[in-house]
């Protein structure tokens, strides 16, 4: 891929991230710190005791991410689907229950970075499965399930291109 093509993709990803609510942006950055082990998410993101507890639980929920990265089940077979989708839906349900991810787009953006571009075909099923669980409030279920487009839910194919933009914590400047 040419430098111009990669720059165009990165700009597209930056624009997509900018389209998310501030709450979604913050949660995505925090989740990447937890899931990718980039920084001490607890020390960086916890503003109070409630948020600290949530981050501790997120570390626990994300415990299967390394195993999921290595699983990579066959898109056309059913051999590893139970273990893979079970773990993926479990983690997705945790994230959706936090009430900070408002749409499939934000969910997809996060999970492409947590697991890799290869996971795209699995994300609509995991999102819909997690969003439909009774642990998600009925009004949230409706909002979340309405956020996935027919095109995303029924895509004939998905790119395996890896994301190029990984948002991070930005320190505020004191004027």
C-alpha atoms as a PDB file:
ATOM      1  CA  UNK A   1       0.000   0.000   0.000  1.00  0.00           C
ATOM      2  CA  UNK A   2       1.345   3.412  -0.840  1.00  0.00           C
ATOM      3  CA  UNK A   3       2.056   6.062   1.743  1.00  0.00           C
ATOM      4  CA  UNK A   4      -0.854   8.133   0.399  1.00  0.00           C
ATOM      5  CA  UNK A   5      -3.249   5.187   0.726  1.00  0.00           C
ATOM      6  CA  UNK A   6      -2.198   4.532   4.330  1.00  0.00           C
ATOM      7  CA  UNK A   7      -2.550   8.230   5.173  1.00  0.00           C
ATOM      8  CA  UNK A   8      -6.043   8.270   3.667  1.00  0.00           C
ATOM      9  CA  UNK A   9      -7.063   5.257   5.742  1.00  0.00           C
ATOM     10  CA  UNK A  10      -5.642   6.811   8.912  1.00  0.00           C
ATOM     11  CA  UNK A  11      -7.512  10.064   8.256  1.00  0.00           C
ATOM     12  CA  UNK A  12     -10.705   8.079   7.709  1.00  0.00           C
ATOM     13  CA  UNK A  13     -10.189   6.309  11.042  1.00  0.00           C
ATOM     14  CA  UNK A  14      -9.488   9.640  12.773  1.00  0.00           C
ATOM     15  CA  UNK A  15     -12.735  11.047  11.361  1.00  0.00           C
ATOM     16  CA  UNK A  16     -14.684   8.008  12.461  1.00  0.00           C
ATOM     17  CA  UNK A  17     -13.283   8.295  15.993  1.00  0.00           C
ATOM     18  CA  UNK A  18     -14.143  12.013  16.036  1.00  0.00           C
ATOM     19  CA  UNK A  19     -17.761  11.134  15.149  1.00  0.00           C
ATOM     20  CA  UNK A  20     -18.192   9.206  18.413  1.00  0.00           C
ATOM     21  CA  UNK A  21     -19.543  10.890  21.537  1.00  0.00           C
ATOM     22  CA  UNK A  22     -16.964  12.146  24.062  1.00  0.00           C
ATOM     23  CA  UNK A  23     -18.073   9.348  26.390  1.00  0.00           C
ATOM     24  CA  UNK A  24     -17.463   6.726  23.687  1.00  0.00           C
ATOM     25  CA  UNK A  25     -14.079   8.242  22.838  1.00  0.00           C
ATOM     26  CA  UNK A  26     -12.991   8.160  26.472  1.00  0.00           C
ATOM     27  CA  UNK A  27     -14.183   4.581  26.939  1.00  0.00           C
ATOM     28  CA  UNK A  28     -12.444   3.406  23.763  1.00  0.00           C
ATOM     29  CA  UNK A  29      -9.130   4.959  24.832  1.00  0.00           C
ATOM     30  CA  UNK A  30      -9.483   3.513  28.336  1.00  0.00           C
ATOM     31  CA  UNK A  31     -10.420   0.091  26.964  1.00  0.00           C
ATOM     32  CA  UNK A  32      -7.409   0.034  24.666  1.00  0.00           C
ATOM     33  CA  UNK A  33      -5.178   0.802  27.651  1.00  0.00           C
ATOM     34  CA  UNK A  34      -6.775  -2.086  29.573  1.00  0.00           C
ATOM     35  CA  UNK A  35      -6.964  -4.564  26.692  1.00  0.00           C
ATOM     36  CA  UNK A  36      -3.605  -3.871  25.091  1.00  0.00           C
ATOM     37  CA  UNK A  37      -1.737  -3.246  28.342  1.00  0.00           C
ATOM     38  CA  UNK A  38      -0.491   0.101  27.074  1.00  0.00           C
ATOM     39  CA  UNK A  39      -0.613   1.993  30.373  1.00  0.00           C
ATOM     40  CA  UNK A  40      -1.906   1.727  33.937  1.00  0.00           C
ATOM     41  CA  UNK A  41      -5.554   2.317  33.094  1.00  0.00           C
ATOM     42  CA  UNK A  42      -6.585   2.444  36.738  1.00  0.00           C
ATOM     43  CA  UNK A  43      -4.151   5.229  37.572  1.00  0.00           C
ATOM     44  CA  UNK A  44      -4.830   7.124  34.364  1.00  0.00           C
ATOM     45  CA  UNK A  45      -8.606   6.847  33.906  1.00  0.00           C
ATOM     46  CA  UNK A  46     -10.233   6.396  37.335  1.00  0.00           C
ATOM     47  CA  UNK A  47     -11.819   9.678  38.415  1.00  0.00           C
ATOM     48  CA  UNK A  48     -13.582   8.195  41.442  1.00  0.00           C
ATOM     49  CA  UNK A  49     -14.197   4.951  43.301  1.00  0.00           C
ATOM     50  CA  UNK A  50     -17.023   3.851  41.007  1.00  0.00           C
ATOM     51  CA  UNK A  51     -14.837   4.231  37.933  1.00  0.00           C
ATOM     52  CA  UNK A  52     -11.929   2.476  39.671  1.00  0.00           C
ATOM     53  CA  UNK A  53     -14.193  -0.495  40.415  1.00  0.00           C
ATOM     54  CA  UNK A  54     -15.377  -0.523  36.797  1.00  0.00           C
ATOM     55  CA  UNK A  55     -11.784  -0.578  35.514  1.00  0.00           C
ATOM     56  CA  UNK A  56     -10.848  -3.435  37.861  1.00  0.00           C
ATOM     57  CA  UNK A  57     -13.835  -5.409  36.556  1.00  0.00           C
ATOM     58  CA  UNK A  58     -12.815  -4.540  32.998  1.00  0.00           C
ATOM     59  CA  UNK A  59      -9.345  -6.019  33.588  1.00  0.00           C
ATOM     60  CA  UNK A  60     -11.085  -9.225  34.714  1.00  0.00           C
ATOM     61  CA  UNK A  61     -13.527  -9.219  31.781  1.00  0.00           C
ATOM     62  CA  UNK A  62     -10.702  -8.676  29.304  1.00  0.00           C
ATOM     63  CA  UNK A  63      -8.768 -11.663  30.677  1.00  0.00           C
ATOM     64  CA  UNK A  64      -9.698 -13.792  27.642  1.00  0.00           C
ATOM     65  CA  UNK A  65      -8.523 -11.290  25.003  1.00  0.00           C
ATOM     66  CA  UNK A  66      -5.110 -12.924  24.520  1.00  0.00           C
ATOM     67  CA  UNK A  67      -6.749 -16.314  24.028  1.00  0.00           C
ATOM     68  CA  UNK A  68      -9.289 -14.837  21.591  1.00  0.00           C
ATOM     69  CA  UNK A  69      -6.482 -13.282  19.529  1.00  0.00           C
ATOM     70  CA  UNK A  70      -4.950 -16.732  19.126  1.00  0.00           C
ATOM     71  CA  UNK A  71      -8.218 -18.594  18.373  1.00  0.00           C
ATOM     72  CA  UNK A  72      -9.154 -17.088  15.019  1.00  0.00           C
ATOM     73  CA  UNK A  73     -11.837 -19.618  14.059  1.00  0.00           C
ATOM     74  CA  UNK A  74     -12.667 -20.541  10.475  1.00  0.00           C
ATOM     75  CA  UNK A  75     -15.328 -18.243   9.024  1.00  0.00           C
ATOM     76  CA  UNK A  76     -16.994 -21.117   7.217  1.00  0.00           C
ATOM     77  CA  UNK A  77     -16.761 -23.958   9.737  1.00  0.00           C
ATOM     78  CA  UNK A  78     -18.280 -24.551  13.141  1.00  0.00           C
ATOM     79  CA  UNK A  79     -15.418 -26.248  14.977  1.00  0.00           C
ATOM     80  CA  UNK A  80     -14.263 -23.450  17.294  1.00  0.00           C
ATOM     81  CA  UNK A  81     -17.353 -21.247  17.212  1.00  0.00           C
ATOM     82  CA  UNK A  82     -18.718 -22.144  20.663  1.00  0.00           C
ATOM     83  CA  UNK A  83     -15.598 -21.239  22.623  1.00  0.00           C
ATOM     84  CA  UNK A  84     -14.765 -18.211  20.484  1.00  0.00           C
ATOM     85  CA  UNK A  85     -18.227 -16.625  20.337  1.00  0.00           C
ATOM     86  CA  UNK A  86     -18.945 -17.456  23.970  1.00  0.00           C
ATOM     87  CA  UNK A  87     -15.860 -15.563  25.137  1.00  0.00           C
ATOM     88  CA  UNK A  88     -16.379 -12.722  22.630  1.00  0.00           C
ATOM     89  CA  UNK A  89     -20.036 -12.219  23.589  1.00  0.00           C
ATOM     90  CA  UNK A  90     -19.097 -12.295  27.276  1.00  0.00           C
ATOM     91  CA  UNK A  91     -16.549  -9.488  26.839  1.00  0.00           C
ATOM     92  CA  UNK A  92     -18.885  -7.557  24.520  1.00  0.00           C
ATOM     93  CA  UNK A  93     -21.732  -7.799  27.035  1.00  0.00           C
ATOM     94  CA  UNK A  94     -19.461  -6.364  29.718  1.00  0.00           C
ATOM     95  CA  UNK A  95     -18.574  -3.396  27.497  1.00  0.00           C
ATOM     96  CA  UNK A  96     -22.163  -2.739  26.419  1.00  0.00           C
ATOM     97  CA  UNK A  97     -23.409  -2.989  30.017  1.00  0.00           C
ATOM     98  CA  UNK A  98     -21.069  -0.130  30.981  1.00  0.00           C
ATOM     99  CA  UNK A  99     -23.446   2.254  29.104  1.00  0.00           C
ATOM    100  CA  UNK A 100     -20.577   4.006  27.365  1.00  0.00           C
ATOM    101  CA  UNK A 101     -20.712   2.404  23.913  1.00  0.00           C
ATOM    102  CA  UNK A 102     -23.741   3.786  22.079  1.00  0.00           C
ATOM    103  CA  UNK A 103     -23.442   2.201  18.632  1.00  0.00           C
ATOM    104  CA  UNK A 104     -22.187  -0.708  16.584  1.00  0.00           C
ATOM    105  CA  UNK A 105     -19.693   1.636  14.901  1.00  0.00           C
ATOM    106  CA  UNK A 106     -17.995   2.481  18.209  1.00  0.00           C
ATOM    107  CA  UNK A 107     -18.087  -1.194  19.226  1.00  0.00           C
ATOM    108  CA  UNK A 108     -16.529  -2.289  15.925  1.00  0.00           C
ATOM    109  CA  UNK A 109     -13.880   0.445  16.149  1.00  0.00           C
ATOM    110  CA  UNK A 110     -12.863  -0.762  19.623  1.00  0.00           C
ATOM    111  CA  UNK A 111     -12.844  -4.477  18.868  1.00  0.00           C
ATOM    112  CA  UNK A 112     -10.909  -4.136  15.607  1.00  0.00           C
ATOM    113  CA  UNK A 113      -8.146  -2.655  17.737  1.00  0.00           C
ATOM    114  CA  UNK A 114      -8.462  -5.063  20.665  1.00  0.00           C
ATOM    115  CA  UNK A 115      -8.387  -8.205  18.495  1.00  0.00           C
ATOM    116  CA  UNK A 116      -7.260  -7.230  14.977  1.00  0.00           C
ATOM    117  CA  UNK A 117      -8.797  -6.648  11.568  1.00  0.00           C
ATOM    118  CA  UNK A 118      -9.502 -10.367  11.072  1.00  0.00           C
ATOM    119  CA  UNK A 119     -12.293 -10.211  13.711  1.00  0.00           C
ATOM    120  CA  UNK A 120     -14.619  -7.997  11.602  1.00  0.00           C
ATOM    121  CA  UNK A 121     -16.876 -10.836  10.310  1.00  0.00           C
ATOM    122  CA  UNK A 122     -17.550 -11.936  13.891  1.00  0.00           C
ATOM    123  CA  UNK A 123     -18.440  -8.530  15.308  1.00  0.00           C
ATOM    124  CA  UNK A 124     -22.069  -8.147  14.101  1.00  0.00           C
ATOM    125  CA  UNK A 125     -23.032 -11.474  15.683  1.00  0.00           C
ATOM    126  CA  UNK A 126     -21.189 -10.741  18.921  1.00  0.00           C
ATOM    127  CA  UNK A 127     -22.671  -7.247  19.115  1.00  0.00           C
ATOM    128  CA  UNK A 128     -26.251  -8.390  18.465  1.00  0.00           C
ATOM    129  CA  UNK A 129     -25.882 -11.354  20.819  1.00  0.00           C
ATOM    130  CA  UNK A 130     -24.494  -9.214  23.632  1.00  0.00           C
ATOM    131  CA  UNK A 131     -26.940  -6.344  23.060  1.00  0.00           C
ATOM    132  CA  UNK A 132     -29.904  -8.737  23.243  1.00  0.00           C
ATOM    133  CA  UNK A 133     -28.920 -10.243  26.603  1.00  0.00           C
ATOM    134  CA  UNK A 134     -31.128  -9.555  29.647  1.00  0.00           C
ATOM    135  CA  UNK A 135     -28.154  -7.907  31.395  1.00  0.00           C
ATOM    136  CA  UNK A 136     -28.633  -4.971  29.029  1.00  0.00           C
ATOM    137  CA  UNK A 137     -31.558  -2.716  29.963  1.00  0.00           C
ATOM    138  CA  UNK A 138     -34.463  -2.926  27.461  1.00  0.00           C
ATOM    139  CA  UNK A 139     -34.167   0.720  26.379  1.00  0.00           C
ATOM    140  CA  UNK A 140     -30.407   0.236  25.783  1.00  0.00           C
ATOM    141  CA  UNK A 141     -31.070  -2.995  23.878  1.00  0.00           C
ATOM    142  CA  UNK A 142     -33.330  -1.112  21.517  1.00  0.00           C
ATOM    143  CA  UNK A 143     -30.840   1.719  20.965  1.00  0.00           C
ATOM    144  CA  UNK A 144     -27.918  -0.631  20.441  1.00  0.00           C
ATOM    145  CA  UNK A 145     -29.716  -3.012  18.093  1.00  0.00           C
ATOM    146  CA  UNK A 146     -31.051  -0.122  16.016  1.00  0.00           C
ATOM    147  CA  UNK A 147     -27.495   1.198  15.616  1.00  0.00           C
ATOM    148  CA  UNK A 148     -26.324  -1.674  13.427  1.00  0.00           C
ATOM    149  CA  UNK A 149     -27.074  -1.107   9.774  1.00  0.00           C
ATOM    150  CA  UNK A 150     -28.462  -3.783   7.509  1.00  0.00           C
ATOM    151  CA  UNK A 151     -25.274  -3.486   5.446  1.00  0.00           C
ATOM    152  CA  UNK A 152     -23.090  -4.221   8.488  1.00  0.00           C
ATOM    153  CA  UNK A 153     -25.296  -7.086   9.640  1.00  0.00           C
ATOM    154  CA  UNK A 154     -25.419  -8.768   6.218  1.00  0.00           C
ATOM    155  CA  UNK A 155     -22.030  -7.911   4.689  1.00  0.00           C
ATOM    156  CA  UNK A 156     -20.872 -10.457   2.145  1.00  0.00           C
ATOM    157  CA  UNK A 157     -17.215  -9.908   3.005  1.00  0.00           C
ATOM    158  CA  UNK A 158     -14.912  -7.992   5.304  1.00  0.00           C
ATOM    159  CA  UNK A 159     -11.463  -6.529   4.933  1.00  0.00           C
ATOM    160  CA  UNK A 160      -8.703  -7.981   7.108  1.00  0.00           C
ATOM    161  CA  UNK A 161      -6.724  -4.736   6.925  1.00  0.00           C
ATOM    162  CA  UNK A 162      -5.345  -3.850  10.317  1.00  0.00           C
ATOM    163  CA  UNK A 163      -6.388  -0.534  11.875  1.00  0.00           C
ATOM    164  CA  UNK A 164      -3.755   2.184  11.703  1.00  0.00           C
ATOM    165  CA  UNK A 165      -5.065   4.665  14.288  1.00  0.00           C
ATOM    166  CA  UNK A 166      -5.080   3.730  17.977  1.00  0.00           C
ATOM    167  CA  UNK A 167      -6.363   6.648  20.088  1.00  0.00           C
ATOM    168  CA  UNK A 168      -4.529   7.347  23.328  1.00  0.00           C
ATOM    169  CA  UNK A 169      -4.723   9.493  26.449  1.00  0.00           C
ATOM    170  CA  UNK A 170      -3.984  13.125  25.728  1.00  0.00           C
ATOM    171  CA  UNK A 171      -2.687  15.254  28.548  1.00  0.00           C
ATOM    172  CA  UNK A 172      -4.510  18.594  28.845  1.00  0.00           C
ATOM    173  CA  UNK A 173      -2.280  21.630  28.626  1.00  0.00           C
ATOM    174  CA  UNK A 174      -2.536  24.107  31.458  1.00  0.00           C
ATOM    175  CA  UNK A 175      -2.633  27.612  30.056  1.00  0.00           C
END
